């Protein structure tokens, strides 16, 4: 714990941590956005398949809403 504290609270420590953390956070957000964009076209497909299989509109609607989240 003492070593971690000294790495971040020195003159060069905080900028070094930010220089590592900010690009990684931006990369994570970008990958998440791409996955969501690619998963959005699945909504009508999943909704149609579940509605045909079960005949339940509400279950199909919520399956379509949750399809990008599950992916």
C-alpha atoms as a PDB file:
ATOM      1  CA  UNK A   1       0.000   0.000   0.000  1.00  0.00           C
ATOM      2  CA  UNK A   2       2.834   2.371   0.806  1.00  0.00           C
ATOM      3  CA  UNK A   3       4.438   1.694  -2.586  1.00  0.00           C
ATOM      4  CA  UNK A   4       1.161   2.372  -4.442  1.00  0.00           C
ATOM      5  CA  UNK A   5       0.682   5.594  -2.531  1.00  0.00           C
ATOM      6  CA  UNK A   6       4.201   6.774  -3.331  1.00  0.00           C
ATOM      7  CA  UNK A   7       3.801   5.939  -7.032  1.00  0.00           C
ATOM      8  CA  UNK A   8       0.702   8.086  -7.412  1.00  0.00           C
ATOM      9  CA  UNK A   9       1.452  11.025  -5.115  1.00  0.00           C
ATOM     10  CA  UNK A  10       4.890  11.962  -6.382  1.00  0.00           C
ATOM     11  CA  UNK A  11       5.533  14.721  -8.908  1.00  0.00           C
ATOM     12  CA  UNK A  12       5.738  12.310 -11.826  1.00  0.00           C
ATOM     13  CA  UNK A  13       3.356   9.694 -10.404  1.00  0.00           C
ATOM     14  CA  UNK A  14      -0.046  11.284 -10.970  1.00  0.00           C
ATOM     15  CA  UNK A  15       0.620  12.287 -14.604  1.00  0.00           C
ATOM     16  CA  UNK A  16       1.993   8.811 -15.282  1.00  0.00           C
ATOM     17  CA  UNK A  17      -1.124   7.169 -13.862  1.00  0.00           C
ATOM     18  CA  UNK A  18      -3.366   9.536 -15.852  1.00  0.00           C
ATOM     19  CA  UNK A  19      -1.335   8.943 -19.002  1.00  0.00           C
ATOM     20  CA  UNK A  20      -2.034   5.247 -18.636  1.00  0.00           C
ATOM     21  CA  UNK A  21      -5.620   5.403 -17.357  1.00  0.00           C
ATOM     22  CA  UNK A  22      -7.145   7.937 -19.768  1.00  0.00           C
ATOM     23  CA  UNK A  23      -6.246   6.140 -23.024  1.00  0.00           C
ATOM     24  CA  UNK A  24      -7.389   2.833 -21.546  1.00  0.00           C
ATOM     25  CA  UNK A  25     -10.695   4.392 -20.484  1.00  0.00           C
ATOM     26  CA  UNK A  26     -11.157   5.891 -23.954  1.00  0.00           C
ATOM     27  CA  UNK A  27     -10.360   2.548 -25.578  1.00  0.00           C
ATOM     28  CA  UNK A  28     -12.838   0.748 -23.321  1.00  0.00           C
ATOM     29  CA  UNK A  29     -15.575   3.281 -24.068  1.00  0.00           C
ATOM     30  CA  UNK A  30     -14.883   3.033 -27.800  1.00  0.00           C
ATOM     31  CA  UNK A  31     -15.035  -0.761 -27.833  1.00  0.00           C
ATOM     32  CA  UNK A  32     -18.252  -0.688 -25.808  1.00  0.00           C
ATOM     33  CA  UNK A  33     -19.791   1.798 -28.260  1.00  0.00           C
ATOM     34  CA  UNK A  34     -18.812  -0.351 -31.250  1.00  0.00           C
ATOM     35  CA  UNK A  35     -20.305  -3.484 -29.681  1.00  0.00           C
ATOM     36  CA  UNK A  36     -23.557  -1.647 -28.967  1.00  0.00           C
ATOM     37  CA  UNK A  37     -23.713  -0.259 -32.522  1.00  0.00           C
ATOM     38  CA  UNK A  38     -23.174  -3.705 -34.021  1.00  0.00           C
ATOM     39  CA  UNK A  39     -25.730  -5.276 -31.666  1.00  0.00           C
ATOM     40  CA  UNK A  40     -28.559  -2.788 -32.310  1.00  0.00           C
ATOM     41  CA  UNK A  41     -29.618  -4.407 -35.626  1.00  0.00           C
ATOM     42  CA  UNK A  42     -30.276  -7.606 -33.654  1.00  0.00           C
ATOM     43  CA  UNK A  43     -33.263  -6.035 -31.881  1.00  0.00           C
ATOM     44  CA  UNK A  44     -35.864  -6.475 -34.649  1.00  0.00           C
ATOM     45  CA  UNK A  45     -34.460  -9.871 -35.613  1.00  0.00           C
ATOM     46  CA  UNK A  46     -34.674 -11.226 -32.062  1.00  0.00           C
ATOM     47  CA  UNK A  47     -38.078  -9.602 -31.546  1.00  0.00           C
ATOM     48  CA  UNK A  48     -39.465 -11.239 -34.683  1.00  0.00           C
ATOM     49  CA  UNK A  49     -38.035 -14.663 -33.887  1.00  0.00           C
ATOM     50  CA  UNK A  50     -39.296 -14.690 -30.299  1.00  0.00           C
ATOM     51  CA  UNK A  51     -42.736 -13.432 -31.299  1.00  0.00           C
ATOM     52  CA  UNK A  52     -43.084 -16.157 -33.924  1.00  0.00           C
ATOM     53  CA  UNK A  53     -41.839 -18.823 -31.541  1.00  0.00           C
ATOM     54  CA  UNK A  54     -43.953 -17.854 -28.532  1.00  0.00           C
ATOM     55  CA  UNK A  55     -46.737 -15.656 -29.878  1.00  0.00           C
ATOM     56  CA  UNK A  56     -46.134 -13.326 -26.942  1.00  0.00           C
ATOM     57  CA  UNK A  57     -45.586  -9.729 -28.058  1.00  0.00           C
ATOM     58  CA  UNK A  58     -44.381  -8.493 -24.677  1.00  0.00           C
ATOM     59  CA  UNK A  59     -41.777 -11.223 -24.273  1.00  0.00           C
ATOM     60  CA  UNK A  60     -40.598 -10.566 -27.822  1.00  0.00           C
ATOM     61  CA  UNK A  61     -40.348  -6.834 -27.171  1.00  0.00           C
ATOM     62  CA  UNK A  62     -38.255  -7.258 -24.039  1.00  0.00           C
ATOM     63  CA  UNK A  63     -36.085  -9.921 -25.664  1.00  0.00           C
ATOM     64  CA  UNK A  64     -35.381  -7.427 -28.442  1.00  0.00           C
ATOM     65  CA  UNK A  65     -34.521  -4.716 -25.934  1.00  0.00           C
ATOM     66  CA  UNK A  66     -32.196  -7.028 -24.020  1.00  0.00           C
ATOM     67  CA  UNK A  67     -30.463  -8.554 -27.059  1.00  0.00           C
ATOM     68  CA  UNK A  68     -27.758  -5.850 -27.323  1.00  0.00           C
ATOM     69  CA  UNK A  69     -27.233  -5.923 -23.574  1.00  0.00           C
ATOM     70  CA  UNK A  70     -26.757  -9.692 -23.564  1.00  0.00           C
ATOM     71  CA  UNK A  71     -24.331  -9.543 -26.472  1.00  0.00           C
END
